[in-house]
Amino acid sequence: MVDNVNNNSSPLRDLYWQPEESAEAAKPEDSRLGQEDFFKLLTQQLSMQDPSKPVENDQMIAQMTSFTMAEGITGLSEQFKDFAESMTSNQALQASSLVGRQVLIPSDVGHFDGSKPIEGMVATEQTTQNTTLRIENEAGQVVRTIDMGTLPAGQHRYSWDGLDDSGEVVPAGDYKIAANGRVGGSSEDLMALTYANVESVSTGGQRGIVLNLESIGRIDFKDVIQITNGNG
């Protein structure tokens, strides 16, 4: 179960609300060769060189160039690290705003809570005739059939109010949405997309932003097709 972003054990807490310890106590002794140290050593080397065999200009320039490049690479690496940490923080902040909203995902399973309708989209690649939507319970029984008629290519909204073919409210639970239609004279199954509620999010892992959806489970944010304000 993914922890809610407002929970004290959330990865977001690690990014934003972790108490800062003393920088002096946490900072290890710097053992790197700094610019001042380098020039002190270079000056000492020059003062102790053999007058009959002085350091060649090319050799001195090579040493200075090597140090400058190493120092530049170290600084660049630290800048990239700071940039990555900043991006992670921004990502976490954006992810926290998804809690309580609805997302459209490529799933043919929707959750009926006993009152709110299951909503989503049917995707068609070309004009589809005699399009029907079948609602199946967890036992695989068809409880409702909805006629959607002829649909052009695209995504088409559907909404099921939780009533069966007899007009009775079905029990709360998960229901499969199966769409079918005739394309070019042959019957084809169509892709069903459903809206799901975002219960919590997690960030910082190798998968990036991961959403925990009501009755659906975990899904990568990159697989989300659409984000709504919470009412589909």
Protein backbone atom coordinates (compact mmCIF):
# COMPACT_ATOMS: atom_id res chain seq x y z
CA MET A 1 0.00 0.00 0.00
CA VAL A 2 1.41 3.37 -1.01
CA ASP A 3 1.59 5.87 1.83
CA ASN A 4 -0.49 8.99 1.44
CA VAL A 5 1.56 12.06 0.56
CA ASN A 6 0.36 13.71 3.78
CA ASN A 7 1.54 10.79 5.91
CA ASN A 8 4.60 11.36 8.07
CA SER A 9 6.35 8.35 6.49
CA SER A 10 5.78 9.60 2.94
CA PRO A 11 8.71 10.04 0.56
CA LEU A 12 7.50 13.63 0.21
CA ARG A 13 8.22 14.16 3.90
CA ASP A 14 11.78 13.06 3.27
CA LEU A 15 12.03 15.73 0.59
CA TYR A 16 10.36 18.64 2.36
CA TRP A 17 9.87 18.15 6.08
CA GLN A 18 13.04 16.32 7.17
CA PRO A 19 14.57 18.34 10.07
CA GLU A 20 17.89 19.83 9.07
CA GLU A 21 20.86 18.85 11.20
CA SER A 22 23.76 21.14 11.95
CA ALA A 23 25.73 21.74 8.80
CA GLU A 24 28.93 21.97 10.80
CA ALA A 25 28.32 18.66 12.59
CA ALA A 26 27.32 16.82 9.41
CA LYS A 27 30.01 18.27 7.17
CA PRO A 28 33.02 15.95 6.88
CA GLU A 29 36.50 17.38 6.82
CA ASP A 30 37.32 18.46 3.28
CA SER A 31 40.32 16.46 2.10
CA ARG A 32 40.25 17.67 -1.50
CA LEU A 33 43.05 19.73 -3.03
CA GLY A 34 41.77 23.26 -3.38
CA GLN A 35 42.99 26.00 -5.68
CA GLU A 36 45.00 27.69 -2.90
CA ASP A 37 46.62 24.37 -1.94
CA PHE A 38 47.55 23.71 -5.55
CA PHE A 39 49.34 27.03 -5.98
CA LYS A 40 51.17 26.58 -2.66
CA LEU A 41 52.50 23.24 -3.88
CA LEU A 42 53.36 24.71 -7.26
CA THR A 43 55.28 27.57 -5.60
CA GLN A 44 57.12 25.11 -3.37
CA GLN A 45 57.97 22.97 -6.39
CA LEU A 46 59.41 25.99 -8.21
CA SER A 47 61.48 27.08 -5.19
CA MET A 48 63.00 23.61 -4.85
CA GLN A 49 63.69 22.91 -8.51
CA ASP A 50 67.17 22.34 -9.84
CA PRO A 51 68.38 25.69 -11.29
CA SER A 52 70.21 23.78 -13.98
CA LYS A 53 67.01 21.93 -14.96
CA PRO A 54 64.11 24.32 -14.45
CA VAL A 55 60.56 23.21 -15.07
CA GLU A 56 59.65 23.67 -18.70
CA ASN A 57 56.86 26.13 -19.48
CA ASP A 58 54.91 23.43 -21.31
CA GLN A 59 55.07 21.14 -18.27
CA MET A 60 53.93 23.91 -15.92
CA ILE A 61 51.04 24.85 -18.24
CA ALA A 62 50.04 21.19 -18.49
CA GLN A 63 49.89 20.88 -14.68
CA MET A 64 47.80 24.03 -14.34
CA THR A 65 45.47 22.98 -17.16
CA SER A 66 45.00 19.54 -15.63
CA PHE A 67 44.10 21.04 -12.24
CA THR A 68 41.73 23.59 -13.78
CA MET A 69 39.90 20.90 -15.75
CA ALA A 70 39.59 18.64 -12.70
CA GLU A 71 38.28 21.52 -10.59
CA GLY A 72 35.83 22.49 -13.34
CA ILE A 73 34.51 18.94 -13.68
CA THR A 74 34.04 18.68 -9.91
CA GLY A 75 32.13 21.95 -9.85
CA LEU A 76 29.98 20.89 -12.81
CA SER A 77 29.18 17.59 -11.10
CA GLU A 78 28.06 19.42 -7.96
CA GLN A 79 25.90 21.76 -10.04
CA PHE A 80 24.20 18.80 -11.75
CA LYS A 81 23.60 17.19 -8.35
CA ASP A 82 21.94 20.36 -7.07
CA PHE A 83 19.86 20.54 -10.26
CA ALA A 84 18.73 16.90 -9.90
CA GLU A 85 17.72 17.48 -6.27
CA SER A 86 15.75 20.56 -7.31
CA MET A 87 13.96 18.61 -10.06
CA THR A 88 13.06 15.85 -7.60
CA SER A 89 11.58 18.39 -5.19
CA ASN A 90 9.53 20.02 -7.96
CA GLN A 91 8.33 16.60 -9.10
CA ALA A 92 7.22 15.73 -5.58
CA LEU A 93 5.35 19.02 -5.22
CA GLN A 94 3.49 18.44 -8.49
CA ALA A 95 2.67 14.85 -7.53
CA SER A 96 1.11 15.93 -4.22
CA SER A 97 -1.51 17.96 -6.13
CA LEU A 98 -2.84 14.77 -7.78
CA VAL A 99 -4.31 13.34 -4.56
CA GLY A 100 -8.12 13.49 -4.65
CA ARG A 101 -8.27 13.97 -8.41
CA GLN A 102 -9.28 11.54 -11.14
CA VAL A 103 -7.10 10.22 -13.93
CA LEU A 104 -8.05 8.48 -17.16
CA ILE A 105 -6.09 5.26 -17.58
CA PRO A 106 -5.97 2.38 -20.09
CA SER A 107 -7.93 -0.03 -17.88
CA ASP A 108 -11.18 -1.92 -18.49
CA VAL A 109 -11.97 -2.18 -14.76
CA GLY A 110 -13.93 0.44 -12.85
CA HIS A 111 -15.05 0.63 -9.23
CA PHE A 112 -18.71 1.25 -8.36
CA ASP A 113 -19.10 2.52 -4.80
CA GLY A 114 -22.87 2.12 -4.70
CA SER A 115 -23.78 5.62 -5.83
CA LYS A 116 -21.27 7.35 -8.10
CA PRO A 117 -21.27 6.24 -11.76
CA ILE A 118 -18.35 4.57 -13.50
CA GLU A 119 -17.12 6.81 -16.29
CA GLY A 120 -14.53 6.55 -19.00
CA MET A 121 -13.86 6.50 -22.72
CA VAL A 122 -14.12 4.03 -25.58
CA ALA A 123 -11.27 4.39 -28.09
CA THR A 124 -11.91 3.67 -31.77
CA GLU A 125 -9.27 3.77 -34.49
CA GLN A 126 -11.87 4.12 -37.26
CA THR A 127 -15.62 4.41 -37.69
CA THR A 128 -17.34 1.68 -35.68
CA GLN A 129 -20.96 0.63 -36.12
CA ASN A 130 -23.34 -1.13 -33.72
CA THR A 131 -21.04 -0.24 -30.83
CA THR A 132 -22.08 -1.79 -27.52
CA LEU A 133 -20.77 -1.50 -23.99
CA ARG A 134 -21.11 -4.51 -21.70
CA ILE A 135 -20.78 -4.18 -17.93
CA GLU A 136 -19.66 -7.42 -16.26
CA ASN A 137 -19.51 -8.22 -12.56
CA GLU A 138 -16.64 -10.04 -10.87
CA ALA A 139 -18.27 -13.39 -11.73
CA GLY A 140 -18.15 -12.52 -15.44
CA GLN A 141 -21.91 -12.04 -15.73
CA VAL A 142 -23.20 -9.22 -17.96
CA VAL A 143 -25.34 -6.95 -15.78
CA ARG A 144 -25.88 -4.12 -18.24
CA THR A 145 -25.61 -3.58 -22.00
CA ILE A 146 -25.40 -0.03 -23.36
CA ASP A 147 -25.92 0.79 -27.05
CA MET A 148 -23.48 3.47 -28.25
CA GLY A 149 -24.48 3.31 -31.92
CA THR A 150 -22.06 4.43 -34.63
CA LEU A 151 -18.84 6.07 -33.45
CA PRO A 152 -16.24 7.89 -35.57
CA ALA A 153 -12.53 7.43 -34.91
CA GLY A 154 -11.49 8.92 -31.58
CA GLN A 155 -12.30 8.72 -27.87
CA HIS A 156 -15.95 8.66 -26.81
CA ARG A 157 -17.29 9.29 -23.31
CA TYR A 158 -19.44 6.73 -21.50
CA SER A 159 -21.11 6.76 -18.10
CA TRP A 160 -22.74 3.86 -16.26
CA ASP A 161 -25.04 4.76 -13.39
CA GLY A 162 -24.75 1.42 -11.58
CA LEU A 163 -28.12 0.09 -12.72
CA ASP A 164 -28.53 -3.35 -14.29
CA ASP A 165 -30.73 -4.12 -17.29
CA SER A 166 -33.72 -4.44 -14.91
CA GLY A 167 -33.18 -0.98 -13.47
CA GLU A 168 -31.91 -2.24 -10.12
CA VAL A 169 -28.81 -0.86 -8.42
CA VAL A 170 -26.00 -3.41 -8.49
CA PRO A 171 -23.84 -4.15 -5.42
CA ALA A 172 -20.73 -2.04 -4.87
CA GLY A 173 -17.58 -3.56 -6.30
CA ASP A 174 -15.31 -3.77 -9.33
CA TYR A 175 -16.85 -4.12 -12.78
CA LYS A 176 -15.31 -4.85 -16.15
CA ILE A 177 -16.11 -2.58 -19.08
CA ALA A 178 -16.11 -4.48 -22.40
CA ALA A 179 -16.70 -2.61 -25.67
CA ASN A 180 -17.39 -4.14 -29.07
CA GLY A 181 -18.41 -2.92 -32.52
CA ARG A 182 -18.42 -3.71 -36.21
CA VAL A 183 -15.54 -2.35 -38.27
CA GLY A 184 -15.56 -2.99 -42.00
CA GLY A 185 -18.12 -5.76 -41.70
CA SER A 186 -16.36 -7.66 -38.90
CA SER A 187 -16.85 -7.59 -35.13
CA GLU A 188 -13.97 -6.14 -33.12
CA ASP A 189 -13.24 -5.57 -29.45
CA LEU A 190 -12.50 -1.94 -28.62
CA MET A 191 -10.22 -0.36 -26.02
CA ALA A 192 -11.97 0.79 -22.87
CA LEU A 193 -10.49 3.55 -20.70
CA THR A 194 -11.72 4.31 -17.19
CA TYR A 195 -11.46 7.15 -14.70
CA ALA A 196 -10.00 6.28 -11.30
CA ASN A 197 -9.52 8.22 -8.07
CA VAL A 198 -5.98 9.00 -6.92
CA GLU A 199 -5.65 8.00 -3.27
CA SER A 200 -1.94 8.67 -2.82
CA VAL A 201 1.30 9.11 -4.72
CA SER A 202 4.92 8.16 -4.24
CA THR A 203 8.07 9.62 -5.78
CA GLY A 204 11.80 9.15 -5.71
CA GLY A 205 11.98 5.56 -6.92
CA GLN A 206 13.24 4.27 -10.23
CA ARG A 207 9.68 4.42 -11.59
CA GLY A 208 9.40 8.15 -10.93
CA ILE A 209 5.89 9.26 -9.93
CA VAL A 210 3.65 6.30 -9.05
CA LEU A 211 -0.07 6.74 -8.40
CA ASN A 212 -2.07 4.54 -6.05
CA LEU A 213 -5.59 4.35 -7.48
CA GLU A 214 -8.77 3.29 -5.71
CA SER A 215 -9.41 -0.43 -6.40
CA ILE A 216 -6.94 -0.35 -9.30
CA GLY A 217 -3.62 -0.30 -7.50
CA ARG A 218 -0.33 1.24 -8.55
CA ILE A 219 0.23 2.79 -11.97
CA ASP A 220 3.10 4.81 -13.39
CA PHE A 221 2.27 8.46 -13.98
CA LYS A 222 3.60 8.18 -17.54
CA ASP A 223 0.69 5.82 -18.34
CA VAL A 224 -1.95 8.40 -17.39
CA ILE A 225 -3.92 9.68 -20.38
CA GLN A 226 -5.81 12.55 -18.75
CA ILE A 227 -6.11 14.31 -15.38
CA THR A 228 -9.42 15.78 -14.17
CA ASN A 229 -10.51 17.84 -11.18
CA GLY A 230 -12.19 14.88 -9.54
CA ASN A 231 -15.56 14.43 -11.21
CA GLY A 232 -14.53 12.78 -14.44
